[in-house]
Amino acid sequence: MTKHATFVSNDAVAAVVVAPAQAGRHFSSFSAPIKGAAARDCKKQAAVALDLAAAGVVTGGSWVESMKASSPRRAAADAEHGEWMMHPSALTWFESALGAADGKQIVMFLDYDGTLSPIVEDPDRAVMSEEMRDAVRGVAKHFPTAIVSGRCRDKVFNFVKLHELYYAGSHGMDIKGPTVQSNNVEASAEAVHFQAGSEFLPVIEEVYRTLTSKMEPIPGAKVEHNKFCLSVHFRCVQEEEWESLNQEVRSVLKEYPDLKLTHGRKVLEIRPSIKWDKGKALEFLIKSLGYAGRSDVFPYTLVMIAPTRTPSRYI
């Protein structure tokens, strides 16, 4: 029987997305507060818009075109900012969100790359600024706060260095935290530790070695080991080499039907084909915090601030 890997495109985050701040830009105005049924529709509007943006399965023939569309060349910061503002932004509904969250328990879920750190050519240099670290530390004093990333959990922690947070790495498959008690008395004091798909670790290691060898002839290609998943970065690869890189990755995965391939902004992601993703990680953390089923945890306050389309089924 012929082996086949599963190739899918990223699902949309069914949540509110806040665009990363651009240098020198300030947002000084918001739309008028939305009330009544319109306020209740905000989450639905965000989900629909993101679903439209992320719709479609990426096949081999359209892969390069899809990458060009999702990773356009930007001549100036204005172009990048304009592109980001096409996505639903919490800033648009800021006053309405504050009103709707009044008296509710807020839980913060943050991505790392492009949200807490800039997108850089070398993923190992995506360093978090001290100003951003202080901001996250301040948020964690008031609300349970988690960072949910496709990166290896240990790598994200080494970037952030805040022990009072929850960390969900490898697209939510590796969850741990906090290691110290935060000032937030609402959150559960118990530390959590959960891993999904541990049985895939030997396979991931094997594929990592194979892909590293396959990518060597392609200048600028980089394979990142994220423990439960792999990332093939091609931000520094010449555009004419993209299709060759794509075919090399797919040829390797044909031998591993239990792995699936998704893509982000100039990155290919390889992960186990299991029913677990960032959305499931959020659900797990909500339950671990003791908030599952509580009516005073308003869905609008379960915010996933993320820079790109991210596989998630939450909210």
C-alpha atoms as a PDB file:
ATOM      1  CA  MET A   1       0.000   0.000   0.000  1.00  0.00           C
ATOM      2  CA  THR A   2       1.356   3.411  -0.945  1.00  0.00           C
ATOM      3  CA  LYS A   3       2.163   5.670   1.963  1.00  0.00           C
ATOM      4  CA  HIS A   4       0.906   9.218   1.907  1.00  0.00           C
ATOM      5  CA  ALA A   5       1.427  12.114   4.271  1.00  0.00           C
ATOM      6  CA  THR A   6      -1.389  14.536   4.960  1.00  0.00           C
ATOM      7  CA  PHE A   7      -1.002  18.051   3.541  1.00  0.00           C
ATOM      8  CA  VAL A   8      -3.316  20.706   4.875  1.00  0.00           C
ATOM      9  CA  SER A   9      -3.376  24.465   5.073  1.00  0.00           C
ATOM     10  CA  ASN A  10      -3.526  26.286   8.381  1.00  0.00           C
ATOM     11  CA  ASP A  11      -6.961  26.826   9.878  1.00  0.00           C
ATOM     12  CA  ALA A  12      -7.946  30.267  11.035  1.00  0.00           C
ATOM     13  CA  VAL A  13      -7.751  31.383  14.620  1.00  0.00           C
ATOM     14  CA  ALA A  14     -11.344  31.803  15.693  1.00  0.00           C
ATOM     15  CA  ALA A  15     -10.510  34.621  18.043  1.00  0.00           C
ATOM     16  CA  VAL A  16      -9.605  38.293  18.067  1.00  0.00           C
ATOM     17  CA  VAL A  17      -6.264  39.076  16.451  1.00  0.00           C
ATOM     18  CA  VAL A  18      -4.243  42.126  17.403  1.00  0.00           C
ATOM     19  CA  ALA A  19      -1.714  43.334  14.859  1.00  0.00           C
ATOM     20  CA  PRO A  20       1.855  43.668  16.162  1.00  0.00           C
ATOM     21  CA  ALA A  21       2.764  47.279  16.868  1.00  0.00           C
ATOM     22  CA  GLN A  22       4.756  48.988  14.147  1.00  0.00           C
ATOM     23  CA  ALA A  23       7.649  51.236  15.019  1.00  0.00           C
ATOM     24  CA  GLY A  24       6.561  54.846  15.238  1.00  0.00           C
ATOM     25  CA  ARG A  25       2.864  54.035  14.971  1.00  0.00           C
ATOM     26  CA  HIS A  26       0.240  54.937  17.508  1.00  0.00           C
ATOM     27  CA  PHE A  27      -3.430  54.059  17.549  1.00  0.00           C
ATOM     28  CA  SER A  28      -5.295  57.031  18.986  1.00  0.00           C
ATOM     29  CA  SER A  29      -8.924  56.361  18.070  1.00  0.00           C
ATOM     30  CA  PHE A  30     -11.439  53.544  18.284  1.00  0.00           C
ATOM     31  CA  SER A  31     -14.801  52.948  16.700  1.00  0.00           C
ATOM     32  CA  ALA A  32     -17.932  53.746  18.652  1.00  0.00           C
ATOM     33  CA  PRO A  33     -18.856  51.111  21.254  1.00  0.00           C
ATOM     34  CA  ILE A  34     -20.949  48.283  19.876  1.00  0.00           C
ATOM     35  CA  LYS A  35     -23.982  47.427  21.949  1.00  0.00           C
ATOM     36  CA  GLY A  36     -26.637  44.766  22.146  1.00  0.00           C
ATOM     37  CA  ALA A  37     -26.746  42.079  19.508  1.00  0.00           C
ATOM     38  CA  ALA A  38     -23.943  43.751  17.554  1.00  0.00           C
ATOM     39  CA  ALA A  39     -21.599  43.318  20.502  1.00  0.00           C
ATOM     40  CA  ARG A  40     -22.453  39.643  20.683  1.00  0.00           C
ATOM     41  CA  ASP A  41     -21.705  39.320  16.978  1.00  0.00           C
ATOM     42  CA  CYS A  42     -18.139  40.655  17.259  1.00  0.00           C
ATOM     43  CA  LYS A  43     -16.613  37.230  17.886  1.00  0.00           C
ATOM     44  CA  LYS A  44     -18.633  35.772  15.029  1.00  0.00           C
ATOM     45  CA  GLN A  45     -17.523  38.528  12.649  1.00  0.00           C
ATOM     46  CA  ALA A  46     -13.866  37.950  13.535  1.00  0.00           C
ATOM     47  CA  ALA A  47     -14.149  34.209  13.018  1.00  0.00           C
ATOM     48  CA  VAL A  48     -15.887  34.575   9.649  1.00  0.00           C
ATOM     49  CA  ALA A  49     -13.338  37.073   8.348  1.00  0.00           C
ATOM     50  CA  LEU A  50     -10.434  34.910   9.400  1.00  0.00           C
ATOM     51  CA  ASP A  51     -12.026  31.789   7.966  1.00  0.00           C
ATOM     52  CA  LEU A  52     -12.311  33.530   4.601  1.00  0.00           C
ATOM     53  CA  ALA A  53      -8.697  34.651   4.771  1.00  0.00           C
ATOM     54  CA  ALA A  54      -7.441  31.162   5.514  1.00  0.00           C
ATOM     55  CA  ALA A  55      -9.789  29.088   3.356  1.00  0.00           C
ATOM     56  CA  GLY A  56      -8.423  26.496   0.948  1.00  0.00           C
ATOM     57  CA  VAL A  57      -6.209  23.441   0.924  1.00  0.00           C
ATOM     58  CA  VAL A  58      -2.723  24.006  -0.417  1.00  0.00           C
ATOM     59  CA  THR A  59      -1.731  21.503  -3.079  1.00  0.00           C
ATOM     60  CA  GLY A  60       1.636  21.071  -4.734  1.00  0.00           C
ATOM     61  CA  GLY A  61       0.732  23.014  -7.861  1.00  0.00           C
ATOM     62  CA  SER A  62      -0.413  26.163  -6.041  1.00  0.00           C
ATOM     63  CA  TRP A  63       2.157  26.101  -3.258  1.00  0.00           C
ATOM     64  CA  VAL A  64       4.564  28.763  -4.554  1.00  0.00           C
ATOM     65  CA  GLU A  65       1.687  31.099  -5.426  1.00  0.00           C
ATOM     66  CA  SER A  66       0.260  30.593  -1.944  1.00  0.00           C
ATOM     67  CA  MET A  67       3.613  31.393  -0.365  1.00  0.00           C
ATOM     68  CA  LYS A  68       3.956  34.563  -2.420  1.00  0.00           C
ATOM     69  CA  ALA A  69       0.500  35.637  -1.314  1.00  0.00           C
ATOM     70  CA  SER A  70       1.095  34.929   2.379  1.00  0.00           C
ATOM     71  CA  SER A  71       4.654  36.296   2.410  1.00  0.00           C
ATOM     72  CA  PRO A  72       4.609  39.336   0.115  1.00  0.00           C
ATOM     73  CA  ARG A  73       7.613  41.571  -0.344  1.00  0.00           C
ATOM     74  CA  ARG A  74       7.056  44.868   1.419  1.00  0.00           C
ATOM     75  CA  ALA A  75       8.662  48.035   0.183  1.00  0.00           C
ATOM     76  CA  ALA A  76       7.740  50.015   3.275  1.00  0.00           C
ATOM     77  CA  ALA A  77       6.262  49.705   6.746  1.00  0.00           C
ATOM     78  CA  ASP A  78       3.042  51.311   5.472  1.00  0.00           C
ATOM     79  CA  ALA A  79       2.394  48.352   3.183  1.00  0.00           C
ATOM     80  CA  GLU A  80       2.928  45.877   6.015  1.00  0.00           C
ATOM     81  CA  HIS A  81       0.714  47.846   8.354  1.00  0.00           C
ATOM     82  CA  GLY A  82      -2.015  48.063   5.743  1.00  0.00           C
ATOM     83  CA  GLU A  83      -1.924  44.313   5.214  1.00  0.00           C
ATOM     84  CA  TRP A  84      -2.214  43.636   8.932  1.00  0.00           C
ATOM     85  CA  MET A  85      -5.214  45.899   9.326  1.00  0.00           C
ATOM     86  CA  MET A  86      -7.139  43.646   6.914  1.00  0.00           C
ATOM     87  CA  HIS A  87      -7.409  41.194   9.823  1.00  0.00           C
ATOM     88  CA  PRO A  88      -9.936  41.686  12.639  1.00  0.00           C
ATOM     89  CA  SER A  89      -8.327  43.778  15.349  1.00  0.00           C
ATOM     90  CA  ALA A  90      -9.285  44.031  18.997  1.00  0.00           C
ATOM     91  CA  LEU A  91      -8.428  47.722  18.746  1.00  0.00           C
ATOM     92  CA  THR A  92     -11.510  48.220  16.571  1.00  0.00           C
ATOM     93  CA  TRP A  93     -13.772  46.954  19.339  1.00  0.00           C
ATOM     94  CA  PHE A  94     -11.647  47.975  22.302  1.00  0.00           C
ATOM     95  CA  GLU A  95     -14.255  49.981  24.201  1.00  0.00           C
ATOM     96  CA  SER A  96     -16.960  47.420  23.481  1.00  0.00           C
ATOM     97  CA  ALA A  97     -14.698  44.598  24.619  1.00  0.00           C
ATOM     98  CA  LEU A  98     -13.952  46.413  27.857  1.00  0.00           C
ATOM     99  CA  GLY A  99     -17.646  46.885  28.521  1.00  0.00           C
ATOM    100  CA  ALA A 100     -18.492  43.281  27.734  1.00  0.00           C
ATOM    101  CA  ALA A 101     -15.660  42.004  29.952  1.00  0.00           C
ATOM    102  CA  ASP A 102     -16.706  44.092  32.940  1.00  0.00           C
ATOM    103  CA  GLY A 103     -16.960  41.836  35.969  1.00  0.00           C
ATOM    104  CA  LYS A 104     -15.664  38.820  34.052  1.00  0.00           C
ATOM    105  CA  GLN A 105     -12.484  36.812  34.522  1.00  0.00           C
ATOM    106  CA  ILE A 106      -9.914  37.621  31.848  1.00  0.00           C
ATOM    107  CA  VAL A 107      -7.452  35.001  30.652  1.00  0.00           C
ATOM    108  CA  MET A 108      -4.642  36.027  28.286  1.00  0.00           C
ATOM    109  CA  PHE A 109      -3.210  33.765  25.584  1.00  0.00           C
ATOM    110  CA  LEU A 110      -0.286  35.158  23.580  1.00  0.00           C
ATOM    111  CA  ASP A 111       1.744  33.909  20.654  1.00  0.00           C
ATOM    112  CA  TYR A 112       5.489  34.596  20.631  1.00  0.00           C
ATOM    113  CA  ASP A 113       6.975  35.224  17.182  1.00  0.00           C
ATOM    114  CA  GLY A 114       5.640  38.414  15.648  1.00  0.00           C
ATOM    115  CA  THR A 115       3.670  39.214  18.794  1.00  0.00           C
ATOM    116  CA  LEU A 116       6.122  39.393  21.688  1.00  0.00           C
ATOM    117  CA  SER A 117       9.175  39.469  19.428  1.00  0.00           C
ATOM    118  CA  PRO A 118       9.796  40.731  15.895  1.00  0.00           C
ATOM    119  CA  ILE A 119       9.818  38.413  12.890  1.00  0.00           C
ATOM    120  CA  VAL A 120      13.501  38.038  12.017  1.00  0.00           C
ATOM    121  CA  GLU A 121      15.513  36.201   9.371  1.00  0.00           C
ATOM    122  CA  ASP A 122      17.211  33.945  11.925  1.00  0.00           C
ATOM    123  CA  PRO A 123      14.594  32.352  14.250  1.00  0.00           C
ATOM    124  CA  ASP A 124      17.260  31.941  16.938  1.00  0.00           C
ATOM    125  CA  ARG A 125      17.548  35.741  17.091  1.00  0.00           C
ATOM    126  CA  ALA A 126      13.875  36.442  17.807  1.00  0.00           C
ATOM    127  CA  VAL A 127      14.780  38.085  21.103  1.00  0.00           C
ATOM    128  CA  MET A 128      12.153  39.630  23.345  1.00  0.00           C
ATOM    129  CA  SER A 129      12.828  43.219  24.439  1.00  0.00           C
ATOM    130  CA  GLU A 130      12.984  44.151  28.116  1.00  0.00           C
ATOM    131  CA  GLU A 131      10.105  46.571  27.570  1.00  0.00           C
ATOM    132  CA  MET A 132       7.930  43.773  26.219  1.00  0.00           C
ATOM    133  CA  ARG A 133       8.994  41.446  29.037  1.00  0.00           C
ATOM    134  CA  ASP A 134       7.961  44.061  31.606  1.00  0.00           C
ATOM    135  CA  ALA A 135       4.602  44.478  29.845  1.00  0.00           C
ATOM    136  CA  VAL A 136       3.902  40.725  29.932  1.00  0.00           C
ATOM    137  CA  ARG A 137       5.016  40.541  33.551  1.00  0.00           C
ATOM    138  CA  GLY A 138       2.560  43.315  34.361  1.00  0.00           C
ATOM    139  CA  VAL A 139      -0.304  41.521  32.598  1.00  0.00           C
ATOM    140  CA  ALA A 140       0.468  38.282  34.470  1.00  0.00           C
ATOM    141  CA  LYS A 141       0.108  40.110  37.792  1.00  0.00           C
ATOM    142  CA  HIS A 142      -3.568  40.700  37.010  1.00  0.00           C
ATOM    143  CA  PHE A 143      -4.635  37.833  34.732  1.00  0.00           C
ATOM    144  CA  PRO A 144      -3.635  34.193  34.160  1.00  0.00           C
ATOM    145  CA  THR A 145      -1.301  34.441  31.167  1.00  0.00           C
ATOM    146  CA  ALA A 146      -0.054  31.785  28.761  1.00  0.00           C
ATOM    147  CA  ILE A 147       2.197  31.797  25.719  1.00  0.00           C
ATOM    148  CA  VAL A 148       1.093  29.333  23.037  1.00  0.00           C
ATOM    149  CA  SER A 149       3.663  28.855  20.288  1.00  0.00           C
ATOM    150  CA  GLY A 150       4.755  26.495  17.554  1.00  0.00           C
ATOM    151  CA  ARG A 151       8.245  26.703  18.999  1.00  0.00           C
ATOM    152  CA  CYS A 152       9.777  24.250  21.448  1.00  0.00           C
ATOM    153  CA  ARG A 153       8.498  25.096  24.941  1.00  0.00           C
ATOM    154  CA  ASP A 154      11.980  25.297  26.449  1.00  0.00           C
ATOM    155  CA  LYS A 155      13.125  27.635  23.681  1.00  0.00           C
ATOM    156  CA  VAL A 156      10.207  30.005  24.238  1.00  0.00           C
ATOM    157  CA  PHE A 157      10.836  30.003  27.988  1.00  0.00           C
ATOM    158  CA  ASN A 158      14.501  30.840  27.413  1.00  0.00           C
ATOM    159  CA  PHE A 159      13.397  33.833  25.337  1.00  0.00           C
ATOM    160  CA  VAL A 160      10.745  35.056  27.786  1.00  0.00           C
ATOM    161  CA  LYS A 161      12.291  34.082  31.150  1.00  0.00           C
ATOM    162  CA  LEU A 162       9.095  34.604  33.176  1.00  0.00           C
ATOM    163  CA  HIS A 163       8.411  31.749  35.586  1.00  0.00           C
ATOM    164  CA  GLU A 164       4.879  32.877  36.467  1.00  0.00           C
ATOM    165  CA  LEU A 165       3.482  32.135  32.994  1.00  0.00           C
ATOM    166  CA  TYR A 166       2.001  29.026  31.404  1.00  0.00           C
ATOM    167  CA  TYR A 167       3.866  27.831  28.309  1.00  0.00           C
ATOM    168  CA  ALA A 168       2.399  25.669  25.550  1.00  0.00           C
ATOM    169  CA  GLY A 169       5.064  24.825  22.972  1.00  0.00           C
ATOM    170  CA  SER A 170       5.143  22.669  19.848  1.00  0.00           C
ATOM    171  CA  HIS A 171       1.744  23.989  18.734  1.00  0.00           C
ATOM    172  CA  GLY A 172       0.251  23.216  22.136  1.00  0.00           C
ATOM    173  CA  MET A 173       1.569  19.657  22.441  1.00  0.00           C
ATOM    174  CA  ASP A 174       3.935  20.454  25.321  1.00  0.00           C
ATOM    175  CA  ILE A 175       2.395  22.396  28.231  1.00  0.00           C
ATOM    176  CA  LYS A 176       3.936  23.440  31.516  1.00  0.00           C
ATOM    177  CA  GLY A 177       3.700  26.135  34.164  1.00  0.00           C
ATOM    178  CA  PRO A 178       3.853  28.119  36.231  1.00  0.00           C
ATOM    179  CA  THR A 179       6.983  27.271  38.213  1.00  0.00           C
ATOM    180  CA  VAL A 180       6.467  30.136  40.671  1.00  0.00           C
ATOM    181  CA  GLN A 181       3.275  31.548  42.147  1.00  0.00           C
ATOM    182  CA  SER A 182       2.077  34.735  40.488  1.00  0.00           C
ATOM    183  CA  ASN A 183       0.282  37.577  42.235  1.00  0.00           C
ATOM    184  CA  ASN A 184      -2.919  36.579  40.471  1.00  0.00           C
ATOM    185  CA  VAL A 185      -4.955  34.941  43.218  1.00  0.00           C
ATOM    186  CA  GLU A 186      -7.746  33.917  40.832  1.00  0.00           C
ATOM    187  CA  ALA A 187      -5.608  31.352  39.028  1.00  0.00           C
ATOM    188  CA  SER A 188      -5.097  27.816  40.231  1.00  0.00           C
ATOM    189  CA  ALA A 189      -1.938  27.502  42.321  1.00  0.00           C
ATOM    190  CA  GLU A 190      -1.155  24.051  40.957  1.00  0.00           C
ATOM    191  CA  ALA A 191       1.527  23.756  38.293  1.00  0.00           C
ATOM    192  CA  VAL A 192       0.488  21.847  35.177  1.00  0.00           C
ATOM    193  CA  HIS A 193       2.519  19.572  32.932  1.00  0.00           C
ATOM    194  CA  PHE A 194       1.020  17.829  29.916  1.00  0.00           C
ATOM    195  CA  GLN A 195       2.400  16.385  26.695  1.00  0.00           C
ATOM    196  CA  ALA A 196       0.450  15.128  23.685  1.00  0.00           C
ATOM    197  CA  GLY A 197       1.974  12.832  21.081  1.00  0.00           C
ATOM    198  CA  SER A 198       5.043  11.691  23.020  1.00  0.00           C
ATOM    199  CA  GLU A 199       5.022   8.473  20.977  1.00  0.00           C
ATOM    200  CA  PHE A 200       5.989  10.546  17.909  1.00  0.00           C
ATOM    201  CA  LEU A 201       9.260  11.828  19.366  1.00  0.00           C
ATOM    202  CA  PRO A 202      11.461   9.120  17.749  1.00  0.00           C
ATOM    203  CA  VAL A 203       9.822   9.727  14.356  1.00  0.00           C
ATOM    204  CA  ILE A 204      10.253  13.492  14.653  1.00  0.00           C
ATOM    205  CA  GLU A 205      13.932  12.989  15.468  1.00  0.00           C
ATOM    206  CA  GLU A 206      14.364  10.733  12.443  1.00  0.00           C
ATOM    207  CA  VAL A 207      12.658  13.164  10.086  1.00  0.00           C
ATOM    208  CA  TYR A 208      14.725  16.017  11.511  1.00  0.00           C
ATOM    209  CA  ARG A 209      17.954  14.282  10.588  1.00  0.00           C
ATOM    210  CA  THR A 210      16.679  13.474   7.094  1.00  0.00           C
ATOM    211  CA  LEU A 211      15.375  16.970   6.415  1.00  0.00           C
ATOM    212  CA  THR A 212      18.550  18.596   7.719  1.00  0.00           C
ATOM    213  CA  SER A 213      20.525  16.580   5.180  1.00  0.00           C
ATOM    214  CA  LYS A 214      18.048  17.365   2.375  1.00  0.00           C
ATOM    215  CA  MET A 215      18.121  21.113   3.073  1.00  0.00           C
ATOM    216  CA  GLU A 216      21.920  21.436   3.075  1.00  0.00           C
ATOM    217  CA  PRO A 217      22.183  22.052  -0.706  1.00  0.00           C
ATOM    218  CA  ILE A 218      19.584  24.864  -0.523  1.00  0.00           C
ATOM    219  CA  PRO A 219      21.249  28.124   0.608  1.00  0.00           C
ATOM    220  CA  GLY A 220      19.382  29.844   3.433  1.00  0.00           C
ATOM    221  CA  ALA A 221      17.145  26.883   4.365  1.00  0.00           C
ATOM    222  CA  LYS A 222      17.009  26.051   8.058  1.00  0.00           C
ATOM    223  CA  VAL A 223      15.355  23.133   9.875  1.00  0.00           C
ATOM    224  CA  GLU A 224      14.319  23.944  13.440  1.00  0.00           C
ATOM    225  CA  HIS A 225      13.693  21.134  15.927  1.00  0.00           C
ATOM    226  CA  ASN A 226      10.724  22.019  18.134  1.00  0.00           C
ATOM    227  CA  LYS A 227      10.636  18.683  19.983  1.00  0.00           C
ATOM    228  CA  PHE A 228       7.137  17.536  18.976  1.00  0.00           C
ATOM    229  CA  CYS A 229       7.236  19.188  15.548  1.00  0.00           C
ATOM    230  CA  LEU A 230       9.657  20.603  12.998  1.00  0.00           C
ATOM    231  CA  SER A 231       9.888  23.922  11.186  1.00  0.00           C
ATOM    232  CA  VAL A 232      11.554  24.344   7.797  1.00  0.00           C
ATOM    233  CA  HIS A 233      12.355  28.049   7.454  1.00  0.00           C
ATOM    234  CA  PHE A 234      12.916  29.518   4.005  1.00  0.00           C
ATOM    235  CA  ARG A 235      12.865  33.246   4.784  1.00  0.00           C
ATOM    236  CA  CYS A 236      16.461  33.470   3.571  1.00  0.00           C
ATOM    237  CA  VAL A 237      15.962  31.194   0.560  1.00  0.00           C
ATOM    238  CA  GLN A 238      15.864  32.661  -2.952  1.00  0.00           C
ATOM    239  CA  GLU A 239      12.345  32.587  -4.387  1.00  0.00           C
ATOM    240  CA  GLU A 240      13.379  30.431  -7.330  1.00  0.00           C
ATOM    241  CA  GLU A 241      14.380  27.718  -4.833  1.00  0.00           C
ATOM    242  CA  TRP A 242      11.017  27.600  -3.029  1.00  0.00           C
ATOM    243  CA  GLU A 243       9.486  24.920  -5.221  1.00  0.00           C
ATOM    244  CA  SER A 244      12.582  22.740  -4.943  1.00  0.00           C
ATOM    245  CA  LEU A 245      12.483  23.067  -1.155  1.00  0.00           C
ATOM    246  CA  ASN A 246       8.773  22.246  -1.130  1.00  0.00           C
ATOM    247  CA  GLN A 247       9.264  19.103  -3.206  1.00  0.00           C
ATOM    248  CA  GLU A 248      12.158  17.907  -1.038  1.00  0.00           C
ATOM    249  CA  VAL A 249      10.072  18.245   2.117  1.00  0.00           C
ATOM    250  CA  ARG A 250       7.100  16.457   0.559  1.00  0.00           C
ATOM    251  CA  SER A 251       9.268  13.634  -0.746  1.00  0.00           C
ATOM    252  CA  VAL A 252      10.508  12.961   2.783  1.00  0.00           C
ATOM    253  CA  LEU A 253       7.032  13.045   4.310  1.00  0.00           C
ATOM    254  CA  LYS A 254       5.661  10.505   1.823  1.00  0.00           C
ATOM    255  CA  GLU A 255       7.322   7.889   3.992  1.00  0.00           C
ATOM    256  CA  TYR A 256       5.603   9.148   7.146  1.00  0.00           C
ATOM    257  CA  PRO A 257       1.806   8.958   6.795  1.00  0.00           C
ATOM    258  CA  ASP A 258       1.293   9.852  10.457  1.00  0.00           C
ATOM    259  CA  LEU A 259       2.793  13.299   9.977  1.00  0.00           C
ATOM    260  CA  LYS A 260       1.131  16.310   8.371  1.00  0.00           C
ATOM    261  CA  LEU A 261       2.456  19.426   6.674  1.00  0.00           C
ATOM    262  CA  THR A 262       1.126  22.952   7.167  1.00  0.00           C
ATOM    263  CA  HIS A 263       2.602  26.323   6.290  1.00  0.00           C
ATOM    264  CA  GLY A 264       3.022  29.729   7.846  1.00  0.00           C
ATOM    265  CA  ARG A 265       4.833  32.848   6.740  1.00  0.00           C
ATOM    266  CA  LYS A 266       7.912  31.522   4.957  1.00  0.00           C
ATOM    267  CA  VAL A 267       7.936  28.380   7.067  1.00  0.00           C
ATOM    268  CA  LEU A 268       6.747  24.795   6.603  1.00  0.00           C
ATOM    269  CA  GLU A 269       5.557  22.982   9.730  1.00  0.00           C
ATOM    270  CA  ILE A 270       5.708  19.206  10.210  1.00  0.00           C
ATOM    271  CA  ARG A 271       3.751  17.753  13.110  1.00  0.00           C
ATOM    272  CA  PRO A 272       1.932  14.572  14.175  1.00  0.00           C
ATOM    273  CA  SER A 273      -1.512  13.963  12.688  1.00  0.00           C
ATOM    274  CA  ILE A 274      -3.295  13.878  16.012  1.00  0.00           C
ATOM    275  CA  LYS A 275      -6.407  15.642  17.260  1.00  0.00           C
ATOM    276  CA  TRP A 276      -4.459  18.229  19.193  1.00  0.00           C
ATOM    277  CA  ASP A 277      -3.597  21.815  18.333  1.00  0.00           C
ATOM    278  CA  LYS A 278      -3.296  25.241  19.917  1.00  0.00           C
ATOM    279  CA  GLY A 279      -7.044  25.394  20.399  1.00  0.00           C
ATOM    280  CA  LYS A 280      -7.003  22.144  22.356  1.00  0.00           C
ATOM    281  CA  ALA A 281      -4.140  23.539  24.427  1.00  0.00           C
ATOM    282  CA  LEU A 282      -6.247  26.582  25.301  1.00  0.00           C
ATOM    283  CA  GLU A 283      -9.125  24.344  26.358  1.00  0.00           C
ATOM    284  CA  PHE A 284      -6.760  22.286  28.509  1.00  0.00           C
ATOM    285  CA  LEU A 285      -5.384  25.394  30.215  1.00  0.00           C
ATOM    286  CA  ILE A 286      -8.857  26.820  30.845  1.00  0.00           C
ATOM    287  CA  LYS A 287      -9.818  23.556  32.508  1.00  0.00           C
ATOM    288  CA  SER A 288      -6.555  23.430  34.479  1.00  0.00           C
ATOM    289  CA  LEU A 289      -7.213  26.934  35.768  1.00  0.00           C
ATOM    290  CA  GLY A 290     -10.599  25.836  37.032  1.00  0.00           C
ATOM    291  CA  TYR A 291     -12.526  28.049  34.608  1.00  0.00           C
ATOM    292  CA  ALA A 292     -14.182  25.374  32.448  1.00  0.00           C
ATOM    293  CA  GLY A 293     -17.950  25.811  32.382  1.00  0.00           C
ATOM    294  CA  ARG A 294     -17.919  29.004  34.433  1.00  0.00           C
ATOM    295  CA  SER A 295     -20.367  31.644  33.276  1.00  0.00           C
ATOM    296  CA  ASP A 296     -18.213  34.498  34.541  1.00  0.00           C
ATOM    297  CA  VAL A 297     -15.389  33.768  32.086  1.00  0.00           C
ATOM    298  CA  PHE A 298     -16.566  35.776  29.096  1.00  0.00           C
ATOM    299  CA  PRO A 299     -15.413  34.257  25.747  1.00  0.00           C
ATOM    300  CA  TYR A 300     -14.318  37.639  24.453  1.00  0.00           C
ATOM    301  CA  THR A 301     -11.737  37.773  27.194  1.00  0.00           C
ATOM    302  CA  LEU A 302     -10.095  34.536  26.076  1.00  0.00           C
ATOM    303  CA  VAL A 303      -7.968  36.384  23.580  1.00  0.00           C
ATOM    304  CA  MET A 304      -5.388  34.756  21.319  1.00  0.00           C
ATOM    305  CA  ILE A 305      -3.067  37.530  20.223  1.00  0.00           C
ATOM    306  CA  ALA A 306      -1.211  36.057  17.261  1.00  0.00           C
ATOM    307  CA  PRO A 307       0.660  37.336  14.188  1.00  0.00           C
ATOM    308  CA  THR A 308      -0.512  34.785  11.595  1.00  0.00           C
ATOM    309  CA  ARG A 309      -3.120  32.160  10.865  1.00  0.00           C
ATOM    310  CA  THR A 310      -2.759  29.466  13.506  1.00  0.00           C
ATOM    311  CA  PRO A 311      -4.377  26.041  13.750  1.00  0.00           C
ATOM    312  CA  SER A 312      -6.972  26.348  16.466  1.00  0.00           C
ATOM    313  CA  ARG A 313     -10.511  25.309  17.167  1.00  0.00           C
ATOM    314  CA  TYR A 314     -10.959  27.420  20.263  1.00  0.00           C
ATOM    315  CA  ILE A 315     -13.757  29.970  20.665  1.00  0.00           C
END
